Structure formats: C-alpha cells, structure tokens
Amino acid sequence: MQDPILIVGGNSGIGLETVRMLQAQRIPMVAAARTPGPLQSLGIPVQAFEASNPGSLDLPEKLSGVVYFPGSI
C-alpha cells in the first residue's frame, strides 16, 4: 500500500480539485487545514492547522509527499 500524501489546506479552488484528482486515483491522503470542510466530507482525515500558529500534527510515520495549498495567510 502506498504511503499517504499530506495535504495542507485544499478546502477550495485548485487545492480541492487536486484532492479530487488524487482521490480518483485512489491515492491515500491525510490533511491539515483550518477547518475540516469539504476535505472531511470526501472522507479524508483532517487535523486542525493554522499556518500563522503551527502546532504539532499527528502524522503517519512515513509520507509519500506533501502538497501545500496556501490560503490567505
């Protein structure tokens, strides 16, 4: 099984469409975003994350990659 990709942001626009494309390819993902929003409704586990005040995230030991979709910071 492939290691998941970490999605940072991605609740709208290009980020959300990229998530949908990855999901269509059955690529596992975990996410960190301000709000769960559409990512959670797509079945992707979402952890609370605020870029201006980052805390620690509970991530898998190994990731395939990171995709960062900055909103307004």
Protein backbone atom coordinates (compact mmCIF):
# COMPACT_ATOMS: atom_id res chain seq x y z
CA MET A 1 0.00 0.00 0.00
CA GLN A 2 1.21 3.48 -0.86
CA ASP A 3 2.12 5.87 1.94
CA PRO A 4 -0.29 8.81 2.21
CA ILE A 5 0.29 12.30 0.89
CA LEU A 6 -0.11 15.18 3.36
CA ILE A 7 -2.44 17.86 2.04
CA VAL A 8 -2.01 21.24 3.74
CA GLY A 9 -5.07 23.39 3.01
CA GLY A 10 -7.04 22.32 -0.04
CA ASN A 11 -10.61 23.09 1.01
CA SER A 12 -11.38 25.14 -2.10
CA GLY A 13 -10.29 26.07 -5.58
CA ILE A 14 -7.29 24.41 -7.22
CA GLY A 15 -6.42 22.64 -3.98
CA LEU A 16 -9.80 20.94 -3.70
CA GLU A 17 -9.75 19.93 -7.36
CA THR A 18 -6.27 18.46 -6.94
CA VAL A 19 -7.51 16.47 -3.93
CA ARG A 20 -10.39 15.14 -6.03
CA MET A 21 -7.95 14.09 -8.77
CA LEU A 22 -5.71 12.29 -6.27
CA GLN A 23 -8.73 10.63 -4.71
CA ALA A 24 -9.92 9.42 -8.13
CA GLN A 25 -6.51 7.75 -8.50
CA ARG A 26 -7.04 6.12 -5.07
CA ILE A 27 -4.01 7.85 -3.59
CA PRO A 28 -4.26 7.87 0.22
CA MET A 29 -4.24 11.30 1.85
CA VAL A 30 -4.25 12.94 5.26
CA ALA A 31 -4.91 16.64 5.62
CA ALA A 32 -4.14 19.63 7.81
CA ALA A 33 -6.47 22.60 7.37
CA ARG A 34 -8.11 25.44 9.29
CA THR A 35 -11.48 23.71 9.06
CA PRO A 36 -12.48 20.18 8.03
CA GLY A 37 -14.79 21.49 5.29
CA PRO A 38 -15.07 19.59 2.00
CA LEU A 39 -11.97 17.50 2.69
CA GLN A 40 -13.68 15.74 5.57
CA SER A 41 -16.87 15.25 3.54
CA LEU A 42 -14.69 13.46 0.94
CA GLY A 43 -13.59 11.05 3.68
CA ILE A 44 -10.10 12.47 4.15
CA PRO A 45 -8.89 12.64 7.78
CA VAL A 46 -8.35 16.33 8.63
CA GLN A 47 -6.38 17.77 11.55
CA ALA A 48 -6.74 21.38 12.66
CA PHE A 49 -3.87 23.55 11.40
CA GLU A 50 -3.26 27.29 11.34
CA ALA A 51 -0.14 28.33 9.40
CA SER A 52 0.32 31.52 11.41
CA ASN A 53 0.39 29.48 14.64
CA PRO A 54 1.50 25.95 13.73
CA GLY A 55 1.37 23.25 16.35
CA SER A 56 2.29 19.63 16.15
CA LEU A 57 0.37 17.28 13.88
CA ASP A 58 -0.19 13.60 14.48
CA LEU A 59 1.11 12.28 11.15
CA PRO A 60 1.88 8.82 9.84
CA GLU A 61 5.50 7.75 10.31
CA LYS A 62 6.09 7.90 6.55
CA LEU A 63 4.56 10.13 3.85
CA SER A 64 4.79 9.89 0.06
CA GLY A 65 4.83 13.66 -0.22
CA VAL A 66 3.38 16.99 0.81
CA VAL A 67 1.08 19.20 -1.25
CA TYR A 68 0.67 22.74 0.11
CA PHE A 69 -2.27 24.94 -0.90
CA PRO A 70 -1.87 28.22 0.95
CA GLY A 71 -4.98 30.21 1.56
CA SER A 72 -4.73 33.76 2.72
CA ILE A 73 -2.08 33.91 5.41
